[in-house]
N, C-alpha and C. Protein backbone atom coordinates (compact mmCIF):
# COMPACT_ATOMS: atom_id res chain seq x y z
N UNK A 1 -16.90 -1.71 -17.56
CA UNK A 1 -16.11 -0.77 -16.78
C UNK A 1 -15.25 -1.52 -15.77
N UNK A 2 -14.01 -1.11 -15.64
CA UNK A 2 -13.08 -1.75 -14.71
C UNK A 2 -13.13 -1.06 -13.36
N UNK A 3 -13.12 -1.84 -12.30
CA UNK A 3 -13.15 -1.29 -10.94
C UNK A 3 -11.75 -1.24 -10.36
N UNK A 4 -11.14 -0.08 -10.41
CA UNK A 4 -9.81 0.11 -9.85
C UNK A 4 -9.92 0.37 -8.35
N UNK A 5 -9.07 -0.27 -7.57
CA UNK A 5 -8.98 -0.01 -6.13
C UNK A 5 -7.78 0.88 -5.88
N UNK A 6 -7.95 1.88 -5.02
CA UNK A 6 -6.87 2.80 -4.68
C UNK A 6 -6.78 2.89 -3.17
N UNK A 7 -5.57 2.72 -2.64
CA UNK A 7 -5.31 2.84 -1.21
C UNK A 7 -4.27 3.92 -1.02
N UNK A 8 -4.63 4.96 -0.28
CA UNK A 8 -3.72 6.09 -0.03
C UNK A 8 -3.50 6.22 1.47
N UNK A 9 -2.26 6.37 1.86
CA UNK A 9 -1.99 6.55 3.29
C UNK A 9 -2.48 7.91 3.76
N UNK A 10 -2.65 8.88 2.86
CA UNK A 10 -3.15 10.19 3.26
C UNK A 10 -4.59 10.12 3.76
N UNK A 11 -5.27 8.98 3.55
CA UNK A 11 -6.64 8.80 4.01
C UNK A 11 -6.72 8.54 5.52
N UNK A 12 -5.58 8.31 6.16
CA UNK A 12 -5.54 8.06 7.61
C UNK A 12 -4.56 9.03 8.27
N UNK A 13 -4.63 9.13 9.58
CA UNK A 13 -3.76 10.04 10.33
C UNK A 13 -2.29 9.63 10.20
N UNK A 14 -1.35 10.59 10.17
CA UNK A 14 0.07 10.28 9.99
C UNK A 14 0.62 9.17 10.90
N UNK A 15 0.31 9.14 12.20
CA UNK A 15 0.89 8.07 13.03
C UNK A 15 0.41 6.66 12.65
N UNK A 16 -0.73 6.56 11.94
CA UNK A 16 -1.30 5.26 11.59
C UNK A 16 -1.01 4.83 10.16
N UNK A 17 -0.35 5.66 9.39
CA UNK A 17 -0.18 5.42 7.95
C UNK A 17 0.61 4.16 7.62
N UNK A 18 1.73 3.97 8.27
CA UNK A 18 2.56 2.82 7.94
C UNK A 18 1.84 1.52 8.25
N UNK A 19 1.20 1.44 9.41
CA UNK A 19 0.46 0.23 9.79
C UNK A 19 -0.69 -0.02 8.84
N UNK A 20 -1.40 1.04 8.42
CA UNK A 20 -2.50 0.90 7.45
C UNK A 20 -1.97 0.32 6.14
N UNK A 21 -0.89 0.90 5.65
CA UNK A 21 -0.30 0.44 4.38
C UNK A 21 0.13 -1.03 4.48
N UNK A 22 0.82 -1.35 5.58
CA UNK A 22 1.30 -2.72 5.76
C UNK A 22 0.12 -3.69 5.87
N UNK A 23 -0.94 -3.32 6.56
CA UNK A 23 -2.12 -4.18 6.69
C UNK A 23 -2.77 -4.41 5.33
N UNK A 24 -2.93 -3.36 4.54
CA UNK A 24 -3.56 -3.50 3.22
C UNK A 24 -2.76 -4.42 2.31
N UNK A 25 -1.45 -4.27 2.28
CA UNK A 25 -0.63 -5.12 1.42
C UNK A 25 -0.60 -6.56 1.92
N UNK A 26 -0.56 -6.75 3.23
CA UNK A 26 -0.61 -8.11 3.78
C UNK A 26 -1.92 -8.78 3.40
N UNK A 27 -3.00 -8.03 3.45
CA UNK A 27 -4.32 -8.55 3.10
C UNK A 27 -4.42 -8.89 1.61
N UNK A 28 -3.82 -8.07 0.76
CA UNK A 28 -3.93 -8.25 -0.68
C UNK A 28 -2.89 -9.20 -1.27
N UNK A 29 -1.70 -9.24 -0.67
CA UNK A 29 -0.61 -10.02 -1.27
C UNK A 29 -0.19 -11.18 -0.37
N UNK A 30 0.52 -10.87 0.71
CA UNK A 30 1.00 -11.89 1.64
C UNK A 30 1.64 -11.19 2.84
N UNK A 31 1.71 -11.86 3.98
CA UNK A 31 2.39 -11.26 5.14
C UNK A 31 3.87 -11.01 4.83
N UNK A 32 4.39 -9.92 5.32
CA UNK A 32 5.81 -9.60 5.13
C UNK A 32 6.26 -8.63 6.21
N UNK A 33 7.57 -8.56 6.40
CA UNK A 33 8.15 -7.66 7.38
C UNK A 33 8.94 -6.59 6.64
N UNK A 34 8.52 -5.34 6.79
CA UNK A 34 9.14 -4.22 6.10
C UNK A 34 9.46 -3.13 7.12
N UNK A 35 10.58 -2.46 6.91
CA UNK A 35 10.95 -1.33 7.76
C UNK A 35 11.23 -0.12 6.88
N UNK A 36 11.07 1.07 7.48
CA UNK A 36 11.36 2.30 6.76
C UNK A 36 11.77 3.38 7.76
N UNK A 37 12.59 4.30 7.31
CA UNK A 37 12.97 5.45 8.13
C UNK A 37 11.90 6.54 8.07
N UNK A 38 10.86 6.32 7.26
CA UNK A 38 9.81 7.32 7.04
C UNK A 38 8.50 6.93 7.72
N UNK A 39 8.59 6.12 8.74
CA UNK A 39 7.41 5.59 9.44
C UNK A 39 6.54 6.69 10.07
N UNK A 40 7.13 7.74 10.58
CA UNK A 40 6.39 8.79 11.29
C UNK A 40 5.37 9.50 10.39
N UNK A 41 5.65 9.60 9.10
CA UNK A 41 4.72 10.22 8.16
C UNK A 41 4.83 9.49 6.82
N UNK A 42 4.53 8.20 6.85
CA UNK A 42 4.65 7.34 5.68
C UNK A 42 3.62 7.73 4.63
N UNK A 43 4.08 7.96 3.41
CA UNK A 43 3.17 8.32 2.31
C UNK A 43 3.29 7.29 1.20
N UNK A 44 2.14 6.75 0.83
CA UNK A 44 2.13 5.74 -0.22
C UNK A 44 0.78 5.75 -0.93
N UNK A 45 0.81 5.29 -2.17
CA UNK A 45 -0.43 5.09 -2.92
C UNK A 45 -0.30 3.78 -3.68
N UNK A 46 -1.30 2.94 -3.55
CA UNK A 46 -1.35 1.65 -4.25
C UNK A 46 -2.59 1.66 -5.13
N UNK A 47 -2.42 1.30 -6.39
CA UNK A 47 -3.55 1.19 -7.32
C UNK A 47 -3.58 -0.23 -7.86
N UNK A 48 -4.77 -0.83 -7.83
CA UNK A 48 -4.94 -2.20 -8.32
C UNK A 48 -6.07 -2.21 -9.34
N UNK A 49 -5.76 -2.73 -10.52
CA UNK A 49 -6.73 -2.80 -11.60
C UNK A 49 -6.92 -4.27 -11.98
N UNK A 50 -8.08 -4.87 -11.64
CA UNK A 50 -8.32 -6.26 -12.01
C UNK A 50 -8.51 -6.40 -13.53
N UNK A 51 -7.87 -7.41 -14.09
CA UNK A 51 -7.97 -7.69 -15.53
C UNK A 51 -8.29 -9.17 -15.72
N UNK A 52 -9.47 -9.57 -15.35
CA UNK A 52 -9.85 -10.98 -15.45
C UNK A 52 -9.09 -11.79 -14.42
N UNK A 53 -8.33 -12.79 -14.89
CA UNK A 53 -7.55 -13.65 -13.98
C UNK A 53 -6.27 -12.98 -13.49
N UNK A 54 -5.96 -11.81 -14.02
CA UNK A 54 -4.75 -11.07 -13.64
C UNK A 54 -5.12 -9.75 -13.00
N UNK A 55 -4.14 -9.11 -12.42
CA UNK A 55 -4.34 -7.76 -11.88
C UNK A 55 -3.07 -6.95 -12.13
N UNK A 56 -3.25 -5.72 -12.46
CA UNK A 56 -2.14 -4.78 -12.63
C UNK A 56 -2.13 -3.88 -11.42
N UNK A 57 -0.98 -3.75 -10.78
CA UNK A 57 -0.92 -2.85 -9.62
C UNK A 57 0.36 -2.04 -9.66
N UNK A 58 0.21 -0.81 -9.18
CA UNK A 58 1.35 0.09 -9.06
C UNK A 58 1.41 0.57 -7.62
N UNK A 59 2.62 0.91 -7.20
CA UNK A 59 2.81 1.34 -5.82
C UNK A 59 3.88 2.42 -5.79
N UNK A 60 3.57 3.50 -5.09
CA UNK A 60 4.54 4.56 -4.84
C UNK A 60 4.75 4.64 -3.34
N UNK A 61 6.01 4.71 -2.92
CA UNK A 61 6.33 4.77 -1.49
C UNK A 61 7.77 5.20 -1.31
N UNK A 62 8.14 5.64 -0.10
CA UNK A 62 9.53 5.98 0.17
C UNK A 62 10.36 4.69 0.27
N UNK A 63 11.67 4.81 0.41
CA UNK A 63 12.53 3.64 0.51
C UNK A 63 12.12 2.70 1.65
N UNK A 64 12.23 1.39 1.36
CA UNK A 64 11.87 0.34 2.33
C UNK A 64 13.03 -0.62 2.49
N UNK A 65 13.05 -1.33 3.60
CA UNK A 65 14.00 -2.41 3.84
C UNK A 65 13.19 -3.66 4.10
N UNK A 66 13.43 -4.70 3.29
CA UNK A 66 12.72 -5.96 3.46
C UNK A 66 13.52 -6.91 4.31
């Protein structure tokens, strides 16, 4: 059985969503600086499926500026 990880911003209060999302991605991928006009109620879902030495991940989110 594969253990998929799912991170949803709806799991935290609206004012904390963007910081939660940014922290999770920094922890899983690498530090980065991102901005969005949707910070006040940022909605995103990240799914990560480990496949041995690889991982498949999908991400849904509003527009971002890197």
